[in-house]
């Protein structure tokens, strides 16, 4: 048993005493050379580069209608040049139209009532409070009318910048929702 232990000890000793150069040579055989150095030389190079990417204009606008509605007129096509405030499309929205009409009627009624209240107040027939209420009603009616007119004007979609129509995302008879146009300034 002692002889077996001594023999194993000698084997391990011989393995452990292997020269370091042999170890390095074995490891160098496994390394892969990733970089190669060569001498510089003259030659031809390309006068252009093939690249892929997306070009975007510095000035562009995604046009979203202020109000929803059905497209009843389309004034432009892709590629058309437009100026600022050029009409692009007209929308029909019965709710907006009815609201504008109601606001107009209400404004006319409030005007008549205020004129009456003003005359009666001068004669002393109504109190200052009733006169002020009539004035407040008139101011509210004017505000509602202006708001309704602004909403109604939103049915005419206009270009916010001068440029070229890059995309048209709506068609006649469709409901206009989301981005309807993209205008780009190619300059």
C-alpha atoms as a PDB file:
ATOM      1  CA  UNK A   1       0.000   0.000   0.000  1.00  0.00           C
ATOM      2  CA  UNK A   2       2.925   2.250   0.797  1.00  0.00           C
ATOM      3  CA  UNK A   3       4.378   1.603  -2.609  1.00  0.00           C
ATOM      4  CA  UNK A   4       1.146   2.638  -4.319  1.00  0.00           C
ATOM      5  CA  UNK A   5       1.037   5.896  -2.376  1.00  0.00           C
ATOM      6  CA  UNK A   6       4.659   6.629  -3.127  1.00  0.00           C
ATOM      7  CA  UNK A   7       4.140   5.907  -6.826  1.00  0.00           C
ATOM      8  CA  UNK A   8       1.116   8.235  -6.965  1.00  0.00           C
ATOM      9  CA  UNK A   9       3.092  10.939  -5.199  1.00  0.00           C
ATOM     10  CA  UNK A  10       5.901  10.634  -7.744  1.00  0.00           C
ATOM     11  CA  UNK A  11       3.453  10.823 -10.669  1.00  0.00           C
ATOM     12  CA  UNK A  12       1.877  13.998  -9.281  1.00  0.00           C
ATOM     13  CA  UNK A  13       5.283  15.445  -8.608  1.00  0.00           C
ATOM     14  CA  UNK A  14       6.374  14.809 -12.186  1.00  0.00           C
ATOM     15  CA  UNK A  15       3.213  16.372 -13.581  1.00  0.00           C
ATOM     16  CA  UNK A  16       3.552  19.414 -11.328  1.00  0.00           C
ATOM     17  CA  UNK A  17       7.182  19.879 -12.332  1.00  0.00           C
ATOM     18  CA  UNK A  18       6.447  20.123 -16.033  1.00  0.00           C
ATOM     19  CA  UNK A  19       8.413  23.069 -17.536  1.00  0.00           C
ATOM     20  CA  UNK A  20       6.478  26.354 -17.820  1.00  0.00           C
ATOM     21  CA  UNK A  21       7.427  26.803 -21.490  1.00  0.00           C
ATOM     22  CA  UNK A  22       5.563  23.622 -22.426  1.00  0.00           C
ATOM     23  CA  UNK A  23       2.454  24.934 -20.636  1.00  0.00           C
ATOM     24  CA  UNK A  24       2.581  28.260 -22.480  1.00  0.00           C
ATOM     25  CA  UNK A  25       3.086  26.550 -25.837  1.00  0.00           C
ATOM     26  CA  UNK A  26      -0.036  24.450 -25.347  1.00  0.00           C
ATOM     27  CA  UNK A  27      -2.155  27.502 -24.444  1.00  0.00           C
ATOM     28  CA  UNK A  28      -0.808  29.544 -27.383  1.00  0.00           C
ATOM     29  CA  UNK A  29      -1.987  26.860 -29.780  1.00  0.00           C
ATOM     30  CA  UNK A  30      -5.550  27.465 -28.556  1.00  0.00           C
ATOM     31  CA  UNK A  31      -5.465  31.302 -28.920  1.00  0.00           C
ATOM     32  CA  UNK A  32      -7.012  32.862 -32.054  1.00  0.00           C
ATOM     33  CA  UNK A  33      -5.496  35.923 -33.687  1.00  0.00           C
ATOM     34  CA  UNK A  34      -8.251  38.581 -34.100  1.00  0.00           C
ATOM     35  CA  UNK A  35      -6.265  41.544 -35.449  1.00  0.00           C
ATOM     36  CA  UNK A  36      -3.852  41.609 -38.314  1.00  0.00           C
ATOM     37  CA  UNK A  37      -1.438  44.450 -39.012  1.00  0.00           C
ATOM     38  CA  UNK A  38      -0.570  45.307 -42.620  1.00  0.00           C
ATOM     39  CA  UNK A  39       1.357  48.125 -44.240  1.00  0.00           C
ATOM     40  CA  UNK A  40      -0.497  51.187 -45.525  1.00  0.00           C
ATOM     41  CA  UNK A  41      -0.806  51.576 -49.274  1.00  0.00           C
ATOM     42  CA  UNK A  42      -2.430  53.901 -51.822  1.00  0.00           C
ATOM     43  CA  UNK A  43      -5.553  52.942 -53.766  1.00  0.00           C
ATOM     44  CA  UNK A  44      -9.018  54.078 -54.903  1.00  0.00           C
ATOM     45  CA  UNK A  45     -11.940  54.823 -52.616  1.00  0.00           C
ATOM     46  CA  UNK A  46     -15.618  55.374 -53.429  1.00  0.00           C
ATOM     47  CA  UNK A  47     -16.888  58.916 -54.107  1.00  0.00           C
ATOM     48  CA  UNK A  48     -20.216  58.140 -52.442  1.00  0.00           C
ATOM     49  CA  UNK A  49     -21.686  56.125 -49.600  1.00  0.00           C
ATOM     50  CA  UNK A  50     -24.737  53.874 -49.797  1.00  0.00           C
ATOM     51  CA  UNK A  51     -26.792  54.613 -46.691  1.00  0.00           C
ATOM     52  CA  UNK A  52     -30.329  53.827 -45.615  1.00  0.00           C
ATOM     53  CA  UNK A  53     -32.407  55.982 -43.303  1.00  0.00           C
ATOM     54  CA  UNK A  54     -35.326  58.352 -43.009  1.00  0.00           C
ATOM     55  CA  UNK A  55     -35.142  61.988 -44.070  1.00  0.00           C
ATOM     56  CA  UNK A  56     -37.378  64.365 -42.161  1.00  0.00           C
ATOM     57  CA  UNK A  57     -38.036  68.006 -42.846  1.00  0.00           C
ATOM     58  CA  UNK A  58     -37.179  70.482 -40.138  1.00  0.00           C
ATOM     59  CA  UNK A  59     -40.561  72.099 -40.683  1.00  0.00           C
ATOM     60  CA  UNK A  60     -43.474  69.692 -40.959  1.00  0.00           C
ATOM     61  CA  UNK A  61     -46.998  69.539 -39.583  1.00  0.00           C
ATOM     62  CA  UNK A  62     -49.343  66.663 -38.892  1.00  0.00           C
ATOM     63  CA  UNK A  63     -52.809  68.142 -39.485  1.00  0.00           C
ATOM     64  CA  UNK A  64     -55.542  66.874 -37.182  1.00  0.00           C
ATOM     65  CA  UNK A  65     -59.029  68.397 -37.694  1.00  0.00           C
ATOM     66  CA  UNK A  66     -60.298  70.485 -34.758  1.00  0.00           C
ATOM     67  CA  UNK A  67     -63.647  68.735 -34.951  1.00  0.00           C
ATOM     68  CA  UNK A  68     -64.789  65.375 -36.239  1.00  0.00           C
ATOM     69  CA  UNK A  69     -67.046  65.029 -39.230  1.00  0.00           C
ATOM     70  CA  UNK A  70     -67.670  63.402 -42.576  1.00  0.00           C
ATOM     71  CA  UNK A  71     -65.400  64.542 -45.412  1.00  0.00           C
ATOM     72  CA  UNK A  72     -67.631  66.275 -47.969  1.00  0.00           C
ATOM     73  CA  UNK A  73     -64.912  68.060 -49.963  1.00  0.00           C
ATOM     74  CA  UNK A  74     -61.222  67.312 -50.471  1.00  0.00           C
ATOM     75  CA  UNK A  75     -59.311  70.181 -52.060  1.00  0.00           C
ATOM     76  CA  UNK A  76     -55.791  68.749 -52.426  1.00  0.00           C
ATOM     77  CA  UNK A  77     -53.840  65.592 -53.295  1.00  0.00           C
ATOM     78  CA  UNK A  78     -50.473  64.214 -52.225  1.00  0.00           C
ATOM     79  CA  UNK A  79     -47.651  66.184 -53.802  1.00  0.00           C
ATOM     80  CA  UNK A  80     -49.621  69.451 -54.093  1.00  0.00           C
ATOM     81  CA  UNK A  81     -47.871  72.616 -52.913  1.00  0.00           C
ATOM     82  CA  UNK A  82     -49.913  74.620 -50.384  1.00  0.00           C
ATOM     83  CA  UNK A  83     -49.568  77.962 -48.613  1.00  0.00           C
ATOM     84  CA  UNK A  84     -50.350  78.657 -44.968  1.00  0.00           C
ATOM     85  CA  UNK A  85     -54.142  78.674 -44.349  1.00  0.00           C
ATOM     86  CA  UNK A  86     -54.896  76.946 -47.676  1.00  0.00           C
ATOM     87  CA  UNK A  87     -58.134  74.926 -47.317  1.00  0.00           C
ATOM     88  CA  UNK A  88     -57.370  71.192 -47.424  1.00  0.00           C
ATOM     89  CA  UNK A  89     -60.784  69.640 -46.768  1.00  0.00           C
ATOM     90  CA  UNK A  90     -64.307  70.441 -45.603  1.00  0.00           C
ATOM     91  CA  UNK A  91     -66.111  68.330 -43.026  1.00  0.00           C
ATOM     92  CA  UNK A  92     -69.813  68.014 -42.275  1.00  0.00           C
ATOM     93  CA  UNK A  93     -70.839  67.695 -38.642  1.00  0.00           C
ATOM     94  CA  UNK A  94     -74.604  68.087 -38.054  1.00  0.00           C
ATOM     95  CA  UNK A  95     -74.125  68.524 -34.293  1.00  0.00           C
ATOM     96  CA  UNK A  96     -71.718  71.443 -34.753  1.00  0.00           C
ATOM     97  CA  UNK A  97     -73.996  73.060 -37.347  1.00  0.00           C
ATOM     98  CA  UNK A  98     -77.073  72.717 -35.115  1.00  0.00           C
ATOM     99  CA  UNK A  99     -75.161  74.070 -32.124  1.00  0.00           C
ATOM    100  CA  UNK A 100     -74.072  77.129 -34.129  1.00  0.00           C
ATOM    101  CA  UNK A 101     -77.657  77.717 -35.256  1.00  0.00           C
ATOM    102  CA  UNK A 102     -78.998  77.419 -31.685  1.00  0.00           C
ATOM    103  CA  UNK A 103     -76.309  79.807 -30.419  1.00  0.00           C
ATOM    104  CA  UNK A 104     -77.286  82.363 -33.084  1.00  0.00           C
ATOM    105  CA  UNK A 105     -80.945  82.167 -32.127  1.00  0.00           C
ATOM    106  CA  UNK A 106     -80.082  82.478 -28.435  1.00  0.00           C
ATOM    107  CA  UNK A 107     -77.885  85.527 -29.126  1.00  0.00           C
ATOM    108  CA  UNK A 108     -80.708  87.260 -31.033  1.00  0.00           C
ATOM    109  CA  UNK A 109     -83.148  86.567 -28.181  1.00  0.00           C
ATOM    110  CA  UNK A 110     -80.668  87.813 -25.557  1.00  0.00           C
ATOM    111  CA  UNK A 111     -80.070  91.008 -27.594  1.00  0.00           C
ATOM    112  CA  UNK A 112     -83.817  91.720 -27.744  1.00  0.00           C
ATOM    113  CA  UNK A 113     -84.237  91.033 -24.013  1.00  0.00           C
ATOM    114  CA  UNK A 114     -81.297  93.271 -23.121  1.00  0.00           C
ATOM    115  CA  UNK A 115     -82.626  96.169 -25.231  1.00  0.00           C
ATOM    116  CA  UNK A 116     -86.004  95.852 -23.476  1.00  0.00           C
ATOM    117  CA  UNK A 117     -84.373  95.592 -20.043  1.00  0.00           C
ATOM    118  CA  UNK A 118     -82.161  98.601 -20.801  1.00  0.00           C
ATOM    119  CA  UNK A 119     -85.169 100.784 -21.708  1.00  0.00           C
ATOM    120  CA  UNK A 120     -87.144  99.604 -18.685  1.00  0.00           C
ATOM    121  CA  UNK A 121     -84.170 100.230 -16.373  1.00  0.00           C
ATOM    122  CA  UNK A 122     -83.833 103.818 -17.675  1.00  0.00           C
ATOM    123  CA  UNK A 123     -87.546 104.346 -16.936  1.00  0.00           C
ATOM    124  CA  UNK A 124     -87.110 102.836 -13.469  1.00  0.00           C
ATOM    125  CA  UNK A 125     -89.536  99.981 -14.239  1.00  0.00           C
ATOM    126  CA  UNK A 126     -87.050  97.190 -13.357  1.00  0.00           C
ATOM    127  CA  UNK A 127     -84.369  96.892 -10.722  1.00  0.00           C
ATOM    128  CA  UNK A 128     -80.639  97.135 -11.284  1.00  0.00           C
ATOM    129  CA  UNK A 129     -80.393  93.425 -10.450  1.00  0.00           C
ATOM    130  CA  UNK A 130     -82.804  92.464 -13.286  1.00  0.00           C
ATOM    131  CA  UNK A 131     -80.870  94.731 -15.655  1.00  0.00           C
ATOM    132  CA  UNK A 132     -77.550  93.053 -14.617  1.00  0.00           C
ATOM    133  CA  UNK A 133     -79.083  89.586 -15.131  1.00  0.00           C
ATOM    134  CA  UNK A 134     -80.146  90.588 -18.635  1.00  0.00           C
ATOM    135  CA  UNK A 135     -76.615  91.868 -19.354  1.00  0.00           C
ATOM    136  CA  UNK A 136     -75.089  88.620 -18.026  1.00  0.00           C
ATOM    137  CA  UNK A 137     -77.457  86.583 -20.217  1.00  0.00           C
ATOM    138  CA  UNK A 138     -76.368  88.631 -23.249  1.00  0.00           C
ATOM    139  CA  UNK A 139     -72.643  88.149 -22.472  1.00  0.00           C
ATOM    140  CA  UNK A 140     -73.159  84.401 -22.026  1.00  0.00           C
ATOM    141  CA  UNK A 141     -75.054  84.191 -25.322  1.00  0.00           C
ATOM    142  CA  UNK A 142     -72.258  86.097 -27.119  1.00  0.00           C
ATOM    143  CA  UNK A 143     -69.647  83.742 -25.665  1.00  0.00           C
ATOM    144  CA  UNK A 144     -71.671  80.664 -26.678  1.00  0.00           C
ATOM    145  CA  UNK A 145     -72.148  82.077 -30.170  1.00  0.00           C
ATOM    146  CA  UNK A 146     -68.407  82.768 -30.599  1.00  0.00           C
ATOM    147  CA  UNK A 147     -67.557  79.274 -29.374  1.00  0.00           C
ATOM    148  CA  UNK A 148     -70.093  77.705 -31.738  1.00  0.00           C
ATOM    149  CA  UNK A 149     -68.749  79.738 -34.666  1.00  0.00           C
ATOM    150  CA  UNK A 150     -65.201  78.642 -33.841  1.00  0.00           C
ATOM    151  CA  UNK A 151     -66.324  75.002 -33.732  1.00  0.00           C
ATOM    152  CA  UNK A 152     -68.129  75.464 -37.032  1.00  0.00           C
ATOM    153  CA  UNK A 153     -65.018  77.005 -38.606  1.00  0.00           C
ATOM    154  CA  UNK A 154     -63.141  73.884 -37.473  1.00  0.00           C
ATOM    155  CA  UNK A 155     -65.035  71.937 -40.112  1.00  0.00           C
ATOM    156  CA  UNK A 156     -62.842  73.674 -42.714  1.00  0.00           C
ATOM    157  CA  UNK A 157     -59.402  72.041 -42.373  1.00  0.00           C
ATOM    158  CA  UNK A 158     -56.562  74.423 -43.301  1.00  0.00           C
ATOM    159  CA  UNK A 159     -52.815  74.049 -43.720  1.00  0.00           C
ATOM    160  CA  UNK A 160     -50.890  75.407 -40.719  1.00  0.00           C
ATOM    161  CA  UNK A 161     -47.691  75.927 -42.772  1.00  0.00           C
ATOM    162  CA  UNK A 162     -46.575  76.443 -46.357  1.00  0.00           C
ATOM    163  CA  UNK A 163     -45.127  73.322 -47.971  1.00  0.00           C
ATOM    164  CA  UNK A 164     -45.969  70.149 -49.858  1.00  0.00           C
ATOM    165  CA  UNK A 165     -48.711  67.671 -48.957  1.00  0.00           C
ATOM    166  CA  UNK A 166     -46.790  64.515 -48.041  1.00  0.00           C
ATOM    167  CA  UNK A 167     -49.718  62.311 -47.005  1.00  0.00           C
ATOM    168  CA  UNK A 168     -53.504  62.394 -47.226  1.00  0.00           C
ATOM    169  CA  UNK A 169     -55.112  59.980 -44.756  1.00  0.00           C
ATOM    170  CA  UNK A 170     -58.787  60.778 -45.454  1.00  0.00           C
ATOM    171  CA  UNK A 171     -61.146  60.187 -48.372  1.00  0.00           C
ATOM    172  CA  UNK A 172     -64.493  61.607 -49.444  1.00  0.00           C
ATOM    173  CA  UNK A 173     -67.357  60.197 -47.405  1.00  0.00           C
ATOM    174  CA  UNK A 174     -65.123  58.948 -44.587  1.00  0.00           C
ATOM    175  CA  UNK A 175     -65.264  60.077 -40.975  1.00  0.00           C
ATOM    176  CA  UNK A 176     -62.230  62.292 -40.263  1.00  0.00           C
ATOM    177  CA  UNK A 177     -60.523  61.125 -37.077  1.00  0.00           C
ATOM    178  CA  UNK A 178     -56.876  61.429 -36.123  1.00  0.00           C
ATOM    179  CA  UNK A 179     -54.187  62.710 -38.457  1.00  0.00           C
ATOM    180  CA  UNK A 180     -55.755  63.734 -41.763  1.00  0.00           C
ATOM    181  CA  UNK A 181     -52.742  65.270 -43.565  1.00  0.00           C
ATOM    182  CA  UNK A 182     -49.016  65.731 -43.264  1.00  0.00           C
ATOM    183  CA  UNK A 183     -47.514  68.905 -44.700  1.00  0.00           C
ATOM    184  CA  UNK A 184     -43.723  69.117 -45.152  1.00  0.00           C
ATOM    185  CA  UNK A 185     -41.542  72.064 -46.063  1.00  0.00           C
ATOM    186  CA  UNK A 186     -38.920  70.573 -48.416  1.00  0.00           C
ATOM    187  CA  UNK A 187     -36.779  73.724 -48.263  1.00  0.00           C
END
